[in-house]
Amino acid sequence: MRGYAAITFGHVIISAREPSDGLWLHERRHVEQYERIGLAFIPLYLWFMLRRGYRTHPFERDASGAARLFD
């Protein structure tokens, strides 16, 4: 998981360390995105990552916004 604090696959969140509350909310939002979009989430996530990168990725921006609500 080089470069990432955590990663989410469907309903599974994997973290290299104990996640902070903000990180937990960020990853939980990815679970919600997966539940809403279904299996298309994975190819869409990868497509956006290739086209836009992390900072402007709409799924990441949404998840970061959810985590900021905690702060």
PDB file of N, CA and C in Angstrom:
ATOM      1  N   MET A   1       0.826  -1.185   0.000  1.00  0.00           N
ATOM      2  CA  MET A   1       0.000   0.000   0.000  1.00  0.00           C
ATOM      3  C   MET A   1       0.876   1.256   0.000  1.00  0.00           C
ATOM      4  N   ARG A   2       1.938   1.199  -0.681  1.00  0.00           N
ATOM      5  CA  ARG A   2       2.883   2.312  -0.742  1.00  0.00           C
ATOM      6  C   ARG A   2       2.179   3.589  -1.212  1.00  0.00           C
ATOM      7  N   GLY A   3       2.300   4.642  -0.422  1.00  0.00           N
ATOM      8  CA  GLY A   3       1.712   5.919  -0.784  1.00  0.00           C
ATOM      9  C   GLY A   3       0.267   6.098  -0.339  1.00  0.00           C
ATOM     10  N   TYR A   4      -0.339   5.070   0.216  1.00  0.00           N
ATOM     11  CA  TYR A   4      -1.733   5.160   0.642  1.00  0.00           C
ATOM     12  C   TYR A   4      -1.837   4.802   2.116  1.00  0.00           C
ATOM     13  N   ALA A   5      -2.683   5.520   2.844  1.00  0.00           N
ATOM     14  CA  ALA A   5      -2.911   5.213   4.251  1.00  0.00           C
ATOM     15  C   ALA A   5      -3.863   4.035   4.397  1.00  0.00           C
ATOM     16  N   ALA A   6      -4.783   3.897   3.424  1.00  0.00           N
ATOM     17  CA  ALA A   6      -5.759   2.807   3.444  1.00  0.00           C
ATOM     18  C   ALA A   6      -6.302   2.630   2.031  1.00  0.00           C
ATOM     19  N   ILE A   7      -6.924   1.490   1.820  1.00  0.00           N
ATOM     20  CA  ILE A   7      -7.549   1.210   0.527  1.00  0.00           C
ATOM     21  C   ILE A   7      -8.818   0.407   0.785  1.00  0.00           C
ATOM     22  N   THR A   8      -9.804   0.608  -0.056  1.00  0.00           N
ATOM     23  CA  THR A   8     -11.096  -0.042   0.111  1.00  0.00           C
ATOM     24  C   THR A   8     -11.434  -0.852  -1.126  1.00  0.00           C
ATOM     25  N   PHE A   9     -11.845  -2.088  -0.908  1.00  0.00           N
ATOM     26  CA  PHE A   9     -12.326  -2.969  -1.973  1.00  0.00           C
ATOM     27  C   PHE A   9     -13.732  -3.409  -1.593  1.00  0.00           C
ATOM     28  N   GLY A  10     -14.723  -2.821  -2.228  1.00  0.00           N
ATOM     29  CA  GLY A  10     -16.106  -3.186  -1.899  1.00  0.00           C
ATOM     30  C   GLY A  10     -16.428  -2.805  -0.466  1.00  0.00           C
ATOM     31  N   HIS A  11     -16.667  -3.818   0.374  1.00  0.00           N
ATOM     32  CA  HIS A  11     -16.983  -3.585   1.780  1.00  0.00           C
ATOM     33  C   HIS A  11     -15.787  -3.816   2.695  1.00  0.00           C
ATOM     34  N   VAL A  12     -14.605  -3.994   2.126  1.00  0.00           N
ATOM     35  CA  VAL A  12     -13.405  -4.293   2.911  1.00  0.00           C
ATOM     36  C   VAL A  12     -12.474  -3.083   2.906  1.00  0.00           C
ATOM     37  N   ILE A  13     -12.144  -2.601   4.093  1.00  0.00           N
ATOM     38  CA  ILE A  13     -11.204  -1.492   4.251  1.00  0.00           C
ATOM     39  C   ILE A  13      -9.917  -2.063   4.824  1.00  0.00           C
ATOM     40  N   ILE A  14      -8.804  -1.814   4.140  1.00  0.00           N
ATOM     41  CA  ILE A  14      -7.499  -2.300   4.579  1.00  0.00           C
ATOM     42  C   ILE A  14      -6.645  -1.084   4.911  1.00  0.00           C
ATOM     43  N   SER A  15      -6.107  -1.076   6.124  1.00  0.00           N
ATOM     44  CA  SER A  15      -5.269   0.036   6.556  1.00  0.00           C
ATOM     45  C   SER A  15      -3.965  -0.508   7.117  1.00  0.00           C
ATOM     46  N   ALA A  16      -2.866   0.173   6.807  1.00  0.00           N
ATOM     47  CA  ALA A  16      -1.554  -0.245   7.293  1.00  0.00           C
ATOM     48  C   ALA A  16      -1.405   0.044   8.787  1.00  0.00           C
ATOM     49  N   ARG A  17      -2.227   0.931   9.305  1.00  0.00           N
ATOM     50  CA  ARG A  17      -2.177   1.284  10.719  1.00  0.00           C
ATOM     51  C   ARG A  17      -3.598   1.556  11.210  1.00  0.00           C
ATOM     52  N   GLU A  18      -3.734   1.787  12.492  1.00  0.00           N
ATOM     53  CA  GLU A  18      -5.042   2.125  13.051  1.00  0.00           C
ATOM     54  C   GLU A  18      -5.528   3.422  12.398  1.00  0.00           C
ATOM     55  N   PRO A  19      -6.666   3.385  11.707  1.00  0.00           N
ATOM     56  CA  PRO A  19      -7.111   4.592  10.999  1.00  0.00           C
ATOM     57  C   PRO A  19      -7.634   5.663  11.959  1.00  0.00           C
ATOM     58  N   SER A  20      -7.337   6.907  11.631  1.00  0.00           N
ATOM     59  CA  SER A  20      -7.920   8.028  12.378  1.00  0.00           C
ATOM     60  C   SER A  20      -9.413   8.075  12.061  1.00  0.00           C
ATOM     61  N   ASP A  21     -10.146   8.857  12.824  1.00  0.00           N
ATOM     62  CA  ASP A  21     -11.581   8.995  12.555  1.00  0.00           C
ATOM     63  C   ASP A  21     -11.823   9.564  11.161  1.00  0.00           C
ATOM     64  N   GLY A  22     -11.003  10.551  10.768  1.00  0.00           N
ATOM     65  CA  GLY A  22     -11.152  11.146   9.441  1.00  0.00           C
ATOM     66  C   GLY A  22     -10.877  10.153   8.328  1.00  0.00           C
ATOM     67  N   LEU A  23      -9.815   9.355   8.489  1.00  0.00           N
ATOM     68  CA  LEU A  23      -9.497   8.340   7.477  1.00  0.00           C
ATOM     69  C   LEU A  23     -10.600   7.291   7.419  1.00  0.00           C
ATOM     70  N   TRP A  24     -11.107   6.899   8.577  1.00  0.00           N
ATOM     71  CA  TRP A  24     -12.191   5.910   8.613  1.00  0.00           C
ATOM     72  C   TRP A  24     -13.413   6.439   7.850  1.00  0.00           C
ATOM     73  N   LEU A  25     -13.776   7.699   8.065  1.00  0.00           N
ATOM     74  CA  LEU A  25     -14.922   8.280   7.360  1.00  0.00           C
ATOM     75  C   LEU A  25     -14.662   8.373   5.862  1.00  0.00           C
ATOM     76  N   HIS A  26     -13.427   8.710   5.484  1.00  0.00           N
ATOM     77  CA  HIS A  26     -13.052   8.777   4.070  1.00  0.00           C
ATOM     78  C   HIS A  26     -13.258   7.413   3.412  1.00  0.00           C
ATOM     79  N   GLU A  27     -12.722   6.379   4.024  1.00  0.00           N
ATOM     80  CA  GLU A  27     -12.836   5.036   3.447  1.00  0.00           C
ATOM     81  C   GLU A  27     -14.273   4.528   3.508  1.00  0.00           C
ATOM     82  N   ARG A  28     -14.991   4.870   4.563  1.00  0.00           N
ATOM     83  CA  ARG A  28     -16.401   4.463   4.668  1.00  0.00           C
ATOM     84  C   ARG A  28     -17.215   5.085   3.535  1.00  0.00           C
ATOM     85  N   ARG A  29     -16.859   6.306   3.119  1.00  0.00           N
ATOM     86  CA  ARG A  29     -17.553   6.931   1.995  1.00  0.00           C
ATOM     87  C   ARG A  29     -17.312   6.132   0.718  1.00  0.00           C
ATOM     88  N   HIS A  30     -16.105   5.572   0.564  1.00  0.00           N
ATOM     89  CA  HIS A  30     -15.852   4.723  -0.605  1.00  0.00           C
ATOM     90  C   HIS A  30     -16.745   3.477  -0.575  1.00  0.00           C
ATOM     91  N   VAL A  31     -16.983   2.921   0.609  1.00  0.00           N
ATOM     92  CA  VAL A  31     -17.909   1.787   0.726  1.00  0.00           C
ATOM     93  C   VAL A  31     -19.300   2.220   0.268  1.00  0.00           C
ATOM     94  N   GLU A  32     -19.740   3.390   0.696  1.00  0.00           N
ATOM     95  CA  GLU A  32     -21.051   3.900   0.283  1.00  0.00           C
ATOM     96  C   GLU A  32     -21.107   4.123  -1.228  1.00  0.00           C
ATOM     97  N   GLN A  33     -20.018   4.623  -1.805  1.00  0.00           N
ATOM     98  CA  GLN A  33     -19.958   4.813  -3.255  1.00  0.00           C
ATOM     99  C   GLN A  33     -20.100   3.467  -3.961  1.00  0.00           C
ATOM    100  N   TYR A  34     -19.394   2.468  -3.458  1.00  0.00           N
ATOM    101  CA  TYR A  34     -19.467   1.125  -4.036  1.00  0.00           C
ATOM    102  C   TYR A  34     -20.898   0.585  -3.945  1.00  0.00           C
ATOM    103  N   GLU A  35     -21.542   0.780  -2.791  1.00  0.00           N
ATOM    104  CA  GLU A  35     -22.918   0.302  -2.627  1.00  0.00           C
ATOM    105  C   GLU A  35     -23.861   0.987  -3.611  1.00  0.00           C
ATOM    106  N   ARG A  36     -23.648   2.259  -3.863  1.00  0.00           N
ATOM    107  CA  ARG A  36     -24.511   3.031  -4.761  1.00  0.00           C
ATOM    108  C   ARG A  36     -24.260   2.677  -6.230  1.00  0.00           C
ATOM    109  N   ILE A  37     -22.991   2.517  -6.607  1.00  0.00           N
ATOM    110  CA  ILE A  37     -22.629   2.319  -8.010  1.00  0.00           C
ATOM    111  C   ILE A  37     -22.531   0.844  -8.385  1.00  0.00           C
ATOM    112  N   GLY A  38     -22.198  -0.007  -7.431  1.00  0.00           N
ATOM    113  CA  GLY A  38     -22.059  -1.436  -7.706  1.00  0.00           C
ATOM    114  C   GLY A  38     -20.710  -1.769  -8.316  1.00  0.00           C
ATOM    115  N   LEU A  39     -20.674  -2.867  -9.057  1.00  0.00           N
ATOM    116  CA  LEU A  39     -19.411  -3.344  -9.621  1.00  0.00           C
ATOM    117  C   LEU A  39     -18.764  -2.356 -10.582  1.00  0.00           C
ATOM    118  N   ALA A  40     -19.545  -1.457 -11.139  1.00  0.00           N
ATOM    119  CA  ALA A  40     -18.975  -0.441 -12.033  1.00  0.00           C
ATOM    120  C   ALA A  40     -18.051   0.519 -11.280  1.00  0.00           C
ATOM    121  N   PHE A  41     -18.119   0.520  -9.950  1.00  0.00           N
ATOM    122  CA  PHE A  41     -17.268   1.409  -9.161  1.00  0.00           C
ATOM    123  C   PHE A  41     -15.793   1.189  -9.476  1.00  0.00           C
ATOM    124  N   ILE A  42     -15.361  -0.043  -9.563  1.00  0.00           N
ATOM    125  CA  ILE A  42     -13.935  -0.332  -9.742  1.00  0.00           C
ATOM    126  C   ILE A  42     -13.412   0.202 -11.076  1.00  0.00           C
ATOM    127  N   PRO A  43     -14.024  -0.154 -12.222  1.00  0.00           N
ATOM    128  CA  PRO A  43     -13.492   0.416 -13.467  1.00  0.00           C
ATOM    129  C   PRO A  43     -13.654   1.933 -13.544  1.00  0.00           C
ATOM    130  N   LEU A  44     -14.742   2.475 -12.986  1.00  0.00           N
ATOM    131  CA  LEU A  44     -14.913   3.932 -12.969  1.00  0.00           C
ATOM    132  C   LEU A  44     -13.834   4.599 -12.123  1.00  0.00           C
ATOM    133  N   TYR A  45     -13.542   4.004 -10.978  1.00  0.00           N
ATOM    134  CA  TYR A  45     -12.504   4.561 -10.113  1.00  0.00           C
ATOM    135  C   TYR A  45     -11.172   4.602 -10.863  1.00  0.00           C
ATOM    136  N   LEU A  46     -10.817   3.493 -11.491  1.00  0.00           N
ATOM    137  CA  LEU A  46      -9.550   3.424 -12.225  1.00  0.00           C
ATOM    138  C   LEU A  46      -9.537   4.396 -13.401  1.00  0.00           C
ATOM    139  N   TRP A  47     -10.641   4.502 -14.124  1.00  0.00           N
ATOM    140  CA  TRP A  47     -10.717   5.414 -15.266  1.00  0.00           C
ATOM    141  C   TRP A  47     -10.492   6.858 -14.813  1.00  0.00           C
ATOM    142  N   PHE A  48     -11.199   7.263 -13.735  1.00  0.00           N
ATOM    143  CA  PHE A  48     -11.013   8.623 -13.221  1.00  0.00           C
ATOM    144  C   PHE A  48      -9.583   8.843 -12.736  1.00  0.00           C
ATOM    145  N   MET A  49      -8.979   7.826 -12.124  1.00  0.00           N
ATOM    146  CA  MET A  49      -7.609   7.971 -11.636  1.00  0.00           C
ATOM    147  C   MET A  49      -6.655   8.210 -12.806  1.00  0.00           C
ATOM    148  N   LEU A  50      -6.847   7.471 -13.884  1.00  0.00           N
ATOM    149  CA  LEU A  50      -5.984   7.645 -15.053  1.00  0.00           C
ATOM    150  C   LEU A  50      -6.225   8.989 -15.743  1.00  0.00           C
ATOM    151  N   ARG A  51      -7.461   9.414 -15.817  1.00  0.00           N
ATOM    152  CA  ARG A  51      -7.811  10.651 -16.527  1.00  0.00           C
ATOM    153  C   ARG A  51      -7.572  11.922 -15.700  1.00  0.00           C
ATOM    154  N   ARG A  52      -7.800  11.834 -14.404  1.00  0.00           N
ATOM    155  CA  ARG A  52      -7.790  13.050 -13.587  1.00  0.00           C
ATOM    156  C   ARG A  52      -6.757  13.041 -12.464  1.00  0.00           C
ATOM    157  N   GLY A  53      -6.258  11.870 -12.093  1.00  0.00           N
ATOM    158  CA  GLY A  53      -5.346  11.801 -10.956  1.00  0.00           C
ATOM    159  C   GLY A  53      -6.107  11.834  -9.639  1.00  0.00           C
ATOM    160  N   TYR A  54      -5.367  11.763  -8.550  1.00  0.00           N
ATOM    161  CA  TYR A  54      -5.984  11.661  -7.230  1.00  0.00           C
ATOM    162  C   TYR A  54      -6.680  12.957  -6.807  1.00  0.00           C
ATOM    163  N   ARG A  55      -6.017  14.081  -6.978  1.00  0.00           N
ATOM    164  CA  ARG A  55      -6.521  15.351  -6.431  1.00  0.00           C
ATOM    165  C   ARG A  55      -7.852  15.801  -7.023  1.00  0.00           C
ATOM    166  N   THR A  56      -8.104  15.500  -8.286  1.00  0.00           N
ATOM    167  CA  THR A  56      -9.366  15.924  -8.908  1.00  0.00           C
ATOM    168  C   THR A  56     -10.299  14.754  -9.195  1.00  0.00           C
ATOM    169  N   HIS A  57      -9.987  13.606  -8.624  1.00  0.00           N
ATOM    170  CA  HIS A  57     -10.821  12.404  -8.775  1.00  0.00           C
ATOM    171  C   HIS A  57     -12.148  12.643  -8.045  1.00  0.00           C
ATOM    172  N   PRO A  58     -13.295  12.547  -8.732  1.00  0.00           N
ATOM    173  CA  PRO A  58     -14.568  12.870  -8.069  1.00  0.00           C
ATOM    174  C   PRO A  58     -14.890  11.973  -6.875  1.00  0.00           C
ATOM    175  N   PHE A  59     -14.521  10.700  -6.917  1.00  0.00           N
ATOM    176  CA  PHE A  59     -14.786   9.820  -5.769  1.00  0.00           C
ATOM    177  C   PHE A  59     -13.919  10.225  -4.579  1.00  0.00           C
ATOM    178  N   GLU A  60     -12.674  10.603  -4.844  1.00  0.00           N
ATOM    179  CA  GLU A  60     -11.776  11.022  -3.766  1.00  0.00           C
ATOM    180  C   GLU A  60     -12.194  12.374  -3.194  1.00  0.00           C
ATOM    181  N   ARG A  61     -12.616  13.280  -4.048  1.00  0.00           N
ATOM    182  CA  ARG A  61     -13.077  14.583  -3.562  1.00  0.00           C
ATOM    183  C   ARG A  61     -14.313  14.413  -2.671  1.00  0.00           C
ATOM    184  N   ASP A  62     -15.218  13.529  -3.067  1.00  0.00           N
ATOM    185  CA  ASP A  62     -16.407  13.249  -2.266  1.00  0.00           C
ATOM    186  C   ASP A  62     -16.011  12.639  -0.924  1.00  0.00           C
ATOM    187  N   ALA A  63     -15.106  11.670  -0.950  1.00  0.00           N
ATOM    188  CA  ALA A  63     -14.676  11.009   0.284  1.00  0.00           C
ATOM    189  C   ALA A  63     -13.928  11.981   1.196  1.00  0.00           C
ATOM    190  N   SER A  64     -13.113  12.836   0.616  1.00  0.00           N
ATOM    191  CA  SER A  64     -12.395  13.831   1.420  1.00  0.00           C
ATOM    192  C   SER A  64     -13.366  14.822   2.050  1.00  0.00           C
ATOM    193  N   GLY A  65     -14.401  15.181   1.316  1.00  0.00           N
ATOM    194  CA  GLY A  65     -15.423  16.067   1.865  1.00  0.00           C
ATOM    195  C   GLY A  65     -16.137  15.438   3.046  1.00  0.00           C
ATOM    196  N   ALA A  66     -16.406  14.144   2.964  1.00  0.00           N
ATOM    197  CA  ALA A  66     -17.059  13.435   4.066  1.00  0.00           C
ATOM    198  C   ALA A  66     -16.161  13.433   5.295  1.00  0.00           C
ATOM    199  N   ALA A  67     -14.865  13.238   5.092  1.00  0.00           N
ATOM    200  CA  ALA A  67     -13.929  13.221   6.214  1.00  0.00           C
ATOM    201  C   ALA A  67     -13.805  14.608   6.839  1.00  0.00           C
ATOM    202  N   ARG A  68     -13.858  15.664   6.029  1.00  0.00           N
ATOM    203  CA  ARG A  68     -13.754  17.034   6.552  1.00  0.00           C
ATOM    204  C   ARG A  68     -14.944  17.395   7.438  1.00  0.00           C
ATOM    205  N   LEU A  69     -16.083  16.781   7.207  1.00  0.00           N
ATOM    206  CA  LEU A  69     -17.246  17.056   8.048  1.00  0.00           C
ATOM    207  C   LEU A  69     -16.984  16.668   9.497  1.00  0.00           C
ATOM    208  N   PHE A  70     -16.059  15.730   9.691  1.00  0.00           N
ATOM    209  CA  PHE A  70     -15.726  15.282  11.042  1.00  0.00           C
ATOM    210  C   PHE A  70     -14.869  16.312  11.766  1.00  0.00           C
ATOM    211  N   ASP A  71     -14.024  17.017  11.021  1.00  0.00           N
ATOM    212  CA  ASP A  71     -13.068  17.963  11.636  1.00  0.00           C
ATOM    213  C   ASP A  71     -13.740  19.134  12.287  1.00  0.00           C
TER     214      ASP A  71
END
